[in-house]
Amino acid sequence: MSAFSHVLIIGAGTFGATTALELARLGHQVTIVDRSADGHASGNAASNDLNKIIRSDYGDQLYRDLGKKCIALWRSDPLYAPFYHEVGIIFRSGMPTGPHSVWIKEGVNFAGQPVMNAYEAASRETRPLARTITSNEEAKHAFPESLRPHLGEAFTTFGPGAQTGYFNPQAGWAEAGNATFAVLDEAKKLGVKVVSDALISKLLFTPGSNNKPRVCGAITSDGREFRADSVVIAAGSWTPSLLETLQVPLKEKVLRPSAHCVVTFQLFPEVAELFRGTPVTFNMDSGLYTFEPNADGILKCAIHKAGSPTPDPRDYNSTEYPRADDHEYVEVMTKELMTMYPILRLDGPNPTAKRLFTRICWYCDTADENFLIDFHPDVDGLLVASGDSGHGLKFMPMIGRLITSRLLHIDNNSSMVPDYGLSEYQRKVFSYQHHVHATLHDAKPIDSIRVGGEVVKPKL
């Protein structure tokens, strides 16, 4: 790919918007298209959300280092910092377990490990370190003082023969939709052309190498044509079905959409104020995770499990997300939330909150949760960037650089987390062939941990 070429990006979510920004910063001409009315991430895209968890305590070295570098950027980069809230995250067992459980020891250890190679020195800032929680008093001090008198049994049952867990203060949450929109707006300032109401229905080709066609653009369902030197498909959970629609499916099904139920609650203002600075919480037994209420007093929660194959995103080419009002998890989450924070009352003479809305959030999963960032094996010039596996947005400050590095064939073996360039290991685990092997051999997820004998995957 020659310098200062024209790139067409399909999809304006986290992967697409950040790639557009990084390419523009390097001087390339970029057009990005999306189904939405304004060109930003579609309303039913996973990145068009209230919030996502930001953390780095991964068992996998690559994602742990990327996570720490990204947190440094979430804190310091003027583009990302306004949307980052470092309130910490508390993992609790949700069931009796010992303080020496492997997942607790490893979580505390991984949270405090320095980043290898290039960013090791930057990770040694003086900040509070992760710590084990073995008592109610230790749990209480993870929360803001205003909320401590209102904690329920979920956080008052720590101790011998009861719950344990750990608190990582160098974590938190990001305003997902707002950050994604800001990235695209910044890209527009650098000359990126943003096209709305664009449903891609056909790719354009010229002869390529080794009897393969070479992509040279795309056409929308209403006949608009976009020519480019290279095309990046970053359509999130719609990626596998879009590739099929465009008649260039991946021969092995290495990408799998999965549907997850989300519930939100509107807290009344005087109660929402008590929650300011509340850490993200994660129950390792039930899978429930919750956020601090946002600036509008909206508290989001969801259950982290494998997800469902239905509803299928291919049935939702509009920008509306399907509601999840009838999902079995809605009442389960509501009930557990009340045990966490009994000050939240949805009915009775003195309600303090109300259920606001539910939605389906789609992931695009890979077998081992590594991203897929590679050229299509059967089409020259077509890069597939997908496989967020439910943990893509936390890497927003770096993901565009990774995708750009693959597109421009920039290699850098000096570090696991270079500004630009992929290490040999990254080129391997992001590759299509790696994902074929991982799918066929049921590879272990890169962030799996074990509680009570059951594998739990806190990708979030």
Protein backbone atom coordinates (compact mmCIF):
# COMPACT_ATOMS: atom_id res chain seq x y z
CA MET A 1 0.00 0.00 0.00
CA SER A 2 1.55 3.28 -1.12
CA ALA A 3 1.94 6.31 1.08
CA PHE A 4 -0.99 8.72 1.34
CA SER A 5 -3.44 6.35 -0.31
CA HIS A 6 -7.24 6.36 -0.03
CA VAL A 7 -8.83 3.98 2.49
CA LEU A 8 -12.52 3.16 2.77
CA ILE A 9 -13.67 2.07 6.25
CA ILE A 10 -17.01 0.33 6.71
CA GLY A 11 -18.31 0.89 10.24
CA ALA A 12 -17.87 3.91 12.55
CA GLY A 13 -17.72 2.11 15.88
CA THR A 14 -14.62 1.81 18.06
CA PHE A 15 -12.52 -0.13 15.55
CA GLY A 16 -13.55 1.96 12.54
CA ALA A 17 -13.47 5.43 14.09
CA THR A 18 -10.07 4.98 15.73
CA THR A 19 -8.59 3.56 12.52
CA ALA A 20 -9.90 6.54 10.56
CA LEU A 21 -8.29 8.89 13.07
CA GLU A 22 -4.90 7.18 13.04
CA LEU A 23 -4.79 6.97 9.22
CA ALA A 24 -5.68 10.65 8.97
CA ARG A 25 -2.93 11.52 11.43
CA LEU A 26 -0.49 9.76 9.11
CA GLY A 27 -1.71 11.74 6.11
CA HIS A 28 -3.95 9.23 4.35
CA GLN A 29 -7.21 10.06 2.63
CA VAL A 30 -10.03 8.30 4.48
CA THR A 31 -13.74 7.79 3.87
CA ILE A 32 -15.76 6.11 6.61
CA VAL A 33 -19.34 4.95 6.10
CA ASP A 34 -21.99 3.85 8.57
CA ARG A 35 -25.68 2.91 8.59
CA SER A 36 -26.53 5.69 11.05
CA ALA A 37 -28.26 8.95 10.17
CA ASP A 38 -25.33 11.12 11.31
CA GLY A 39 -22.40 8.86 10.41
CA HIS A 40 -21.46 8.09 14.00
CA ALA A 41 -21.67 4.56 15.40
CA SER A 42 -25.12 3.15 14.79
CA GLY A 43 -27.59 3.25 17.68
CA ASN A 44 -27.44 -0.53 18.07
CA ALA A 45 -23.65 -0.77 17.90
CA ALA A 46 -21.91 -2.07 21.01
CA SER A 47 -19.78 1.08 21.19
CA ASN A 48 -22.85 3.32 21.17
CA ASP A 49 -23.45 2.64 24.84
CA LEU A 50 -23.50 4.47 28.16
CA ASN A 51 -20.29 2.94 29.48
CA LYS A 52 -17.76 0.13 29.30
CA ILE A 53 -15.29 -1.19 31.87
CA ILE A 54 -11.66 -0.06 31.69
CA ARG A 55 -9.17 -2.41 33.36
CA SER A 56 -5.81 -4.03 32.69
CA ASP A 57 -5.56 -6.98 35.10
CA TYR A 58 -5.50 -9.57 32.33
CA GLY A 59 -3.80 -12.92 32.67
CA ASP A 60 -2.54 -12.55 29.10
CA GLN A 61 0.65 -10.47 28.84
CA LEU A 62 -0.30 -8.82 25.55
CA TYR A 63 -3.67 -7.53 26.71
CA ARG A 64 -2.36 -6.68 30.18
CA ASP A 65 0.33 -4.46 28.66
CA LEU A 66 -2.05 -2.97 26.12
CA GLY A 67 -4.52 -2.29 28.92
CA LYS A 68 -1.94 -0.45 31.03
CA LYS A 69 -0.78 1.64 28.09
CA CYS A 70 -4.40 2.45 27.26
CA ILE A 71 -5.18 3.46 30.84
CA ALA A 72 -2.22 5.84 30.71
CA LEU A 73 -3.76 7.36 27.57
CA TRP A 74 -7.27 7.41 29.03
CA ARG A 75 -5.80 9.48 31.87
CA SER A 76 -3.61 11.84 29.89
CA ASP A 77 -4.73 12.20 26.27
CA PRO A 78 -6.98 15.28 25.88
CA LEU A 79 -9.14 13.34 23.43
CA TYR A 80 -9.91 10.48 25.82
CA ALA A 81 -9.47 11.87 29.34
CA PRO A 82 -12.84 13.72 29.53
CA PHE A 83 -14.63 10.39 29.15
CA TYR A 84 -12.66 8.28 31.65
CA HIS A 85 -13.70 7.75 35.27
CA GLU A 86 -11.06 5.99 37.37
CA VAL A 87 -13.28 4.81 40.23
CA GLY A 88 -11.72 1.33 40.48
CA ILE A 89 -13.29 -2.10 40.15
CA ILE A 90 -14.18 -4.55 42.89
CA PHE A 91 -14.33 -8.26 42.08
CA ARG A 92 -16.19 -10.32 44.69
CA SER A 93 -16.55 -14.08 44.82
CA GLY A 94 -20.30 -14.00 45.47
CA MET A 95 -19.84 -17.30 47.29
CA PRO A 96 -17.65 -18.68 50.09
CA THR A 97 -14.05 -18.89 48.93
CA GLY A 98 -10.63 -18.50 50.50
CA PRO A 99 -8.49 -15.36 50.27
CA HIS A 100 -5.73 -17.41 48.66
CA SER A 101 -7.83 -18.40 45.64
CA VAL A 102 -5.77 -18.33 42.46
CA TRP A 103 -7.97 -15.78 40.70
CA ILE A 104 -7.57 -13.30 43.58
CA LYS A 105 -3.81 -13.71 43.88
CA GLU A 106 -3.34 -13.44 40.13
CA GLY A 107 -5.71 -10.48 39.80
CA VAL A 108 -3.85 -8.48 42.45
CA ASN A 109 -0.51 -9.47 40.96
CA PHE A 110 -1.46 -8.70 37.36
CA ALA A 111 -2.96 -5.34 38.31
CA GLY A 112 0.34 -4.25 39.86
CA GLN A 113 2.79 -5.64 37.33
CA PRO A 114 4.76 -3.09 35.32
CA VAL A 115 4.45 -3.00 31.56
CA MET A 116 7.27 -4.83 29.85
CA ASN A 117 9.83 -3.15 27.59
CA ALA A 118 9.06 0.32 26.25
CA TYR A 119 6.45 1.43 28.77
CA GLU A 120 7.82 -0.13 31.93
CA ALA A 121 9.05 3.15 33.40
CA ALA A 122 5.76 4.93 32.73
CA SER A 123 3.87 2.29 34.71
CA ARG A 124 5.74 2.98 37.94
CA GLU A 125 3.75 6.04 38.91
CA THR A 126 2.86 6.33 42.57
CA ARG A 127 -0.76 5.22 42.62
CA PRO A 128 -2.76 2.96 44.93
CA LEU A 129 -2.24 -0.72 44.16
CA ALA A 130 -4.77 -3.53 43.95
CA ARG A 131 -5.52 -5.22 47.27
CA THR A 132 -7.26 -8.32 48.53
CA ILE A 133 -10.60 -7.90 50.32
CA THR A 134 -11.17 -10.33 53.18
CA SER A 135 -13.38 -8.35 55.57
CA ASN A 136 -16.43 -6.11 55.53
CA GLU A 137 -14.29 -3.18 56.61
CA GLU A 138 -11.95 -3.65 53.65
CA ALA A 139 -14.91 -3.93 51.29
CA LYS A 140 -16.56 -0.82 52.70
CA HIS A 141 -13.49 1.32 52.09
CA ALA A 142 -13.63 0.58 48.36
CA PHE A 143 -16.79 2.72 48.23
CA PRO A 144 -17.30 6.46 48.68
CA GLU A 145 -18.03 7.46 52.25
CA SER A 146 -21.48 8.72 51.29
CA LEU A 147 -22.59 5.25 50.18
CA ARG A 148 -21.03 3.14 52.93
CA PRO A 149 -24.06 3.31 55.29
CA HIS A 150 -26.26 2.07 52.45
CA LEU A 151 -24.36 -1.04 51.38
CA GLY A 152 -26.36 -4.27 51.44
CA GLU A 153 -25.51 -7.88 52.18
CA ALA A 154 -23.61 -8.23 48.92
CA PHE A 155 -20.84 -6.11 50.48
CA THR A 156 -21.32 -6.91 54.17
CA THR A 157 -20.68 -10.65 54.04
CA PHE A 158 -16.90 -10.79 53.67
CA GLY A 159 -14.72 -12.78 56.02
CA PRO A 160 -13.64 -16.33 56.95
CA GLY A 161 -15.93 -18.88 55.37
CA ALA A 162 -17.66 -16.18 53.37
CA GLN A 163 -16.92 -13.93 50.41
CA THR A 164 -13.52 -12.68 49.38
CA GLY A 165 -12.34 -10.66 46.43
CA TYR A 166 -10.04 -7.85 45.41
CA PHE A 167 -10.21 -4.17 44.60
CA ASN A 168 -8.19 -2.64 41.77
CA PRO A 169 -8.17 1.16 42.08
CA GLN A 170 -6.38 1.62 38.74
CA ALA A 171 -9.49 0.83 36.72
CA GLY A 172 -12.93 2.27 36.10
CA TRP A 173 -15.21 3.02 33.20
CA ALA A 174 -15.43 5.09 30.05
CA GLU A 175 -18.35 6.90 28.46
CA ALA A 176 -18.45 4.54 25.50
CA GLY A 177 -20.69 6.34 23.05
CA ASN A 178 -19.39 9.81 23.87
CA ALA A 179 -15.77 8.71 23.46
CA THR A 180 -16.47 6.95 20.16
CA PHE A 181 -18.27 10.02 18.79
CA ALA A 182 -15.42 12.30 19.92
CA VAL A 183 -12.86 10.16 18.08
CA LEU A 184 -14.83 10.39 14.83
CA ASP A 185 -15.33 14.14 15.28
CA GLU A 186 -11.57 14.52 15.72
CA ALA A 187 -11.00 12.48 12.57
CA LYS A 188 -13.37 14.78 10.65
CA LYS A 189 -11.27 17.77 11.71
CA LEU A 190 -8.30 16.07 10.02
CA GLY A 191 -10.20 15.67 6.77
CA VAL A 192 -11.85 12.28 7.11
CA LYS A 193 -15.02 12.12 5.02
CA VAL A 194 -17.94 10.68 7.01
CA VAL A 195 -20.86 9.24 5.06
CA SER A 196 -24.19 8.49 6.74
CA ASP A 197 -27.15 6.25 5.81
CA ALA A 198 -24.73 3.98 3.98
CA LEU A 199 -25.65 0.31 3.83
CA ILE A 200 -22.90 -1.39 1.83
CA SER A 201 -24.30 -4.00 -0.57
CA LYS A 202 -21.47 -4.74 -2.99
CA LEU A 203 -17.69 -4.60 -3.24
CA LEU A 204 -15.84 -3.48 -6.37
CA PHE A 205 -12.85 -5.45 -7.66
CA THR A 206 -9.95 -5.31 -10.06
CA PRO A 207 -7.56 -8.19 -10.87
CA GLY A 208 -5.16 -8.90 -8.00
CA SER A 209 -2.23 -11.21 -7.38
CA ASN A 210 -2.14 -15.00 -7.38
CA ASN A 211 -5.51 -15.22 -9.13
CA LYS A 212 -7.19 -13.31 -6.29
CA PRO A 213 -9.38 -10.27 -6.89
CA ARG A 214 -8.32 -6.94 -5.43
CA VAL A 215 -10.92 -4.76 -3.77
CA CYS A 216 -11.10 -1.21 -5.13
CA GLY A 217 -14.21 0.16 -3.48
CA ALA A 218 -17.82 -0.47 -2.55
CA ILE A 219 -21.40 0.40 -3.49
CA THR A 220 -24.28 1.17 -1.13
CA SER A 221 -27.78 -0.24 -1.45
CA ASP A 222 -28.96 3.09 -2.90
CA GLY A 223 -26.26 3.10 -5.58
CA ARG A 224 -23.59 5.40 -4.15
CA GLU A 225 -20.10 4.34 -5.19
CA PHE A 226 -16.90 4.76 -3.18
CA ARG A 227 -13.53 4.05 -4.75
CA ALA A 228 -10.48 3.29 -2.60
CA ASP A 229 -7.05 1.68 -2.65
CA SER A 230 -7.92 -0.48 0.35
CA VAL A 231 -11.07 -1.34 2.30
CA VAL A 232 -11.36 -2.01 6.04
CA ILE A 233 -14.44 -3.84 7.29
CA ALA A 234 -14.98 -2.90 10.93
CA ALA A 235 -18.68 -3.63 11.28
CA GLY A 236 -18.65 -5.16 14.76
CA SER A 237 -21.08 -8.02 15.21
CA TRP A 238 -22.40 -7.42 11.68
CA THR A 239 -19.01 -8.30 10.19
CA PRO A 240 -19.62 -12.02 9.47
CA SER A 241 -23.05 -11.43 7.93
CA LEU A 242 -21.77 -8.43 5.94
CA LEU A 243 -18.96 -10.54 4.49
CA GLU A 244 -21.58 -13.06 3.42
CA THR A 245 -23.76 -10.35 1.87
CA LEU A 246 -20.74 -9.07 -0.05
CA GLN A 247 -20.06 -12.64 -1.24
CA VAL A 248 -16.63 -12.82 0.42
CA PRO A 249 -17.36 -14.91 3.53
CA LEU A 250 -14.51 -16.21 5.63
CA LYS A 251 -14.32 -19.93 4.86
CA GLU A 252 -13.95 -20.79 8.53
CA LYS A 253 -16.49 -19.26 10.92
CA VAL A 254 -14.02 -17.62 13.27
CA LEU A 255 -16.40 -14.77 14.21
CA ARG A 256 -19.59 -15.37 16.19
CA PRO A 257 -22.09 -12.68 17.22
CA SER A 258 -23.50 -13.07 20.73
CA ALA A 259 -26.39 -11.17 22.33
CA HIS A 260 -26.25 -9.85 25.90
CA CYS A 261 -28.96 -8.32 28.08
CA VAL A 262 -28.45 -4.85 29.56
CA VAL A 263 -30.70 -3.12 32.12
CA THR A 264 -30.57 0.53 33.18
CA PHE A 265 -32.08 2.35 36.14
CA GLN A 266 -32.77 6.05 36.59
CA LEU A 267 -31.74 7.06 40.11
CA PHE A 268 -33.46 10.03 41.71
CA PRO A 269 -31.01 12.96 42.04
CA GLU A 270 -30.52 12.89 45.82
CA VAL A 271 -29.74 9.15 45.69
CA ALA A 272 -27.56 9.35 42.58
CA GLU A 273 -25.36 11.84 44.41
CA LEU A 274 -24.58 9.23 47.08
CA PHE A 275 -23.12 6.98 44.37
CA ARG A 276 -20.56 9.46 43.01
CA GLY A 277 -17.20 7.68 42.89
CA THR A 278 -18.70 4.19 43.29
CA PRO A 279 -16.44 1.50 41.81
CA VAL A 280 -17.48 -0.84 39.06
CA THR A 281 -18.55 -4.11 40.69
CA PHE A 282 -18.33 -7.65 39.36
CA ASN A 283 -19.85 -10.75 40.98
CA MET A 284 -17.73 -13.74 39.99
CA ASP A 285 -20.53 -16.15 40.88
CA SER A 286 -23.56 -14.65 39.12
CA GLY A 287 -21.67 -12.64 36.50
CA LEU A 288 -23.50 -9.42 37.38
CA TYR A 289 -21.52 -6.25 36.82
CA THR A 290 -22.64 -2.72 37.63
CA PHE A 291 -21.44 0.82 37.01
CA GLU A 292 -21.39 4.08 38.87
CA PRO A 293 -24.40 6.16 37.73
CA ASN A 294 -23.44 8.50 34.90
CA ALA A 295 -23.89 12.27 34.94
CA ASP A 296 -27.60 11.82 34.22
CA GLY A 297 -28.03 9.44 37.17
CA ILE A 298 -28.40 6.33 35.00
CA LEU A 299 -27.00 3.12 36.49
CA LYS A 300 -26.28 0.32 34.03
CA CYS A 301 -25.86 -3.35 34.82
CA ALA A 302 -25.58 -6.59 32.88
CA ILE A 303 -24.72 -10.25 33.37
CA HIS A 304 -21.51 -11.47 31.84
CA LYS A 305 -21.90 -14.95 30.43
CA ALA A 306 -21.45 -16.61 27.07
CA GLY A 307 -24.31 -14.72 25.44
CA SER A 308 -27.02 -15.97 23.14
CA PRO A 309 -27.00 -16.55 19.37
CA THR A 310 -30.39 -14.80 19.25
CA PRO A 311 -31.45 -12.22 18.38
CA ASP A 312 -29.14 -12.22 15.37
CA PRO A 313 -27.73 -8.80 14.44
CA ARG A 314 -28.25 -9.54 10.74
CA ASP A 315 -31.98 -9.10 11.42
CA TYR A 316 -31.37 -5.53 12.63
CA ASN A 317 -29.95 -3.44 9.81
CA SER A 318 -31.79 -0.42 11.17
CA THR A 319 -30.09 1.69 13.82
CA GLU A 320 -32.45 0.65 16.63
CA TYR A 321 -31.39 -1.91 19.19
CA PRO A 322 -33.88 -4.59 20.29
CA ARG A 323 -35.26 -4.27 23.79
CA ALA A 324 -34.72 -7.03 26.33
CA ASP A 325 -37.77 -6.39 28.53
CA ASP A 326 -38.76 -10.06 28.55
CA HIS A 327 -35.25 -11.45 29.06
CA GLU A 328 -34.95 -13.77 32.05
CA TYR A 329 -31.96 -11.82 33.35
CA VAL A 330 -33.88 -8.58 33.84
CA GLU A 331 -35.53 -9.67 37.10
CA VAL A 332 -32.42 -11.56 38.19
CA MET A 333 -30.31 -8.42 37.86
CA THR A 334 -32.93 -6.23 39.50
CA LYS A 335 -33.16 -8.50 42.51
CA GLU A 336 -29.39 -8.73 42.99
CA LEU A 337 -28.97 -4.99 42.58
CA MET A 338 -31.36 -4.45 45.48
CA THR A 339 -29.22 -6.72 47.69
CA MET A 340 -26.19 -4.65 46.78
CA TYR A 341 -27.77 -1.26 47.38
CA PRO A 342 -31.01 -1.53 49.42
CA ILE A 343 -31.36 2.24 49.23
CA LEU A 344 -32.58 1.63 45.67
CA ARG A 345 -36.36 1.14 45.81
CA LEU A 346 -38.40 0.81 42.63
CA ASP A 347 -41.84 0.85 44.23
CA GLY A 348 -43.61 1.46 47.53
CA PRO A 349 -44.40 4.80 49.14
CA ASN A 350 -40.86 6.19 48.77
CA PRO A 351 -39.24 4.98 45.53
CA THR A 352 -35.69 6.16 44.87
CA ALA A 353 -35.19 4.80 41.35
CA LYS A 354 -37.05 3.43 38.36
CA ARG A 355 -36.18 0.94 35.66
CA LEU A 356 -35.39 3.02 32.59
CA PHE A 357 -34.76 0.78 29.59
CA THR A 358 -33.33 -2.56 28.53
CA ARG A 359 -31.38 -3.37 25.40
CA ILE A 360 -29.50 -6.12 23.63
CA CYS A 361 -25.77 -5.48 23.29
CA TRP A 362 -23.98 -7.58 20.69
CA TYR A 363 -20.41 -8.82 20.93
CA CYS A 364 -18.50 -10.33 18.03
CA ASP A 365 -16.66 -13.21 19.67
CA THR A 366 -13.61 -15.21 18.68
CA ALA A 367 -12.72 -18.59 20.16
CA ASP A 368 -9.90 -17.30 22.38
CA GLU A 369 -10.97 -13.62 22.59
CA ASN A 370 -8.03 -12.32 20.58
CA PHE A 371 -8.95 -9.65 18.05
CA LEU A 372 -9.08 -10.51 14.36
CA ILE A 373 -7.02 -7.91 12.50
CA ASP A 374 -5.90 -9.39 9.21
CA PHE A 375 -6.29 -9.27 5.47
CA HIS A 376 -8.99 -11.40 3.95
CA PRO A 377 -7.33 -14.64 2.76
CA ASP A 378 -9.14 -14.57 -0.60
CA VAL A 379 -9.22 -10.84 -1.45
CA ASP A 380 -6.28 -8.48 -1.84
CA GLY A 381 -6.57 -5.14 -0.10
CA LEU A 382 -9.49 -6.12 2.15
CA LEU A 383 -8.70 -5.90 5.87
CA VAL A 384 -11.07 -7.42 8.43
CA ALA A 385 -10.94 -5.77 11.87
CA SER A 386 -13.36 -7.41 14.25
CA GLY A 387 -13.64 -9.95 17.06
CA ASP A 388 -14.03 -7.43 19.89
CA SER A 389 -15.12 -10.36 22.11
CA GLY A 390 -16.73 -7.96 24.56
CA HIS A 391 -13.53 -6.16 25.51
CA GLY A 392 -12.68 -3.94 22.57
CA LEU A 393 -13.58 -0.48 23.82
CA LYS A 394 -11.15 -0.43 26.75
CA PHE A 395 -8.38 -0.50 24.14
CA MET A 396 -9.80 2.47 22.21
CA PRO A 397 -6.66 4.65 22.57
CA MET A 398 -4.55 1.90 20.92
CA ILE A 399 -6.84 -0.21 18.73
CA GLY A 400 -6.73 2.17 15.77
CA ARG A 401 -2.93 2.06 15.82
CA LEU A 402 -2.98 -1.74 15.80
CA ILE A 403 -5.35 -1.86 12.83
CA THR A 404 -3.45 0.85 10.99
CA SER A 405 -0.18 -1.00 11.57
CA ARG A 406 -1.61 -4.15 10.01
CA LEU A 407 -3.05 -2.25 7.06
CA LEU A 408 0.23 -0.45 6.36
CA HIS A 409 2.40 -3.51 7.13
CA ILE A 410 4.24 -1.72 9.95
CA ASP A 411 6.19 -4.17 12.12
CA ASN A 412 7.82 -3.37 15.44
CA ASN A 413 9.29 -6.18 17.50
CA SER A 414 10.75 -3.91 20.20
CA SER A 415 7.63 -3.92 22.37
CA MET A 416 4.28 -5.53 22.95
CA VAL A 417 2.68 -2.06 22.98
CA PRO A 418 4.39 0.18 20.42
CA ASP A 419 2.81 3.42 19.27
CA TYR A 420 2.75 1.99 15.75
CA GLY A 421 3.79 -1.40 14.46
CA LEU A 422 2.82 -4.93 15.41
CA SER A 423 5.14 -7.32 17.19
CA GLU A 424 5.66 -10.80 15.80
CA TYR A 425 3.38 -12.16 18.54
CA GLN A 426 0.63 -9.66 17.72
CA ARG A 427 0.83 -10.48 14.03
CA LYS A 428 0.37 -14.11 14.95
CA VAL A 429 -2.57 -13.90 17.40
CA PHE A 430 -4.46 -11.29 15.35
CA SER A 431 -4.16 -13.38 12.18
CA TYR A 432 -6.93 -15.27 10.44
CA GLN A 433 -4.91 -18.51 10.53
CA HIS A 434 -4.49 -18.22 14.29
CA HIS A 435 -8.24 -17.89 14.69
CA VAL A 436 -8.88 -20.88 12.44
CA HIS A 437 -6.61 -22.95 14.68
CA ALA A 438 -8.16 -21.53 17.88
CA THR A 439 -11.67 -22.30 16.62
CA LEU A 440 -10.86 -25.85 15.59
CA HIS A 441 -9.03 -26.64 18.82
CA ASP A 442 -11.37 -24.90 21.30
CA ALA A 443 -8.60 -22.62 22.55
CA LYS A 444 -8.61 -21.23 26.09
CA PRO A 445 -9.87 -17.62 26.32
CA ILE A 446 -7.11 -15.12 26.99
CA ASP A 447 -8.84 -13.78 30.11
CA SER A 448 -10.48 -16.83 31.70
CA ILE A 449 -10.29 -17.23 35.47
CA ARG A 450 -11.72 -19.92 37.67
CA VAL A 451 -14.05 -19.55 40.65
CA GLY A 452 -15.53 -22.54 42.42
CA GLY A 453 -14.53 -24.83 39.56
CA GLU A 454 -16.37 -22.83 36.87
CA VAL A 455 -14.59 -20.76 34.28
CA VAL A 456 -15.69 -17.14 34.31
CA LYS A 457 -14.52 -14.73 31.63
CA PRO A 458 -14.58 -11.08 32.80
CA LYS A 459 -13.80 -9.55 29.39
CA LEU A 460 -16.00 -6.49 29.81
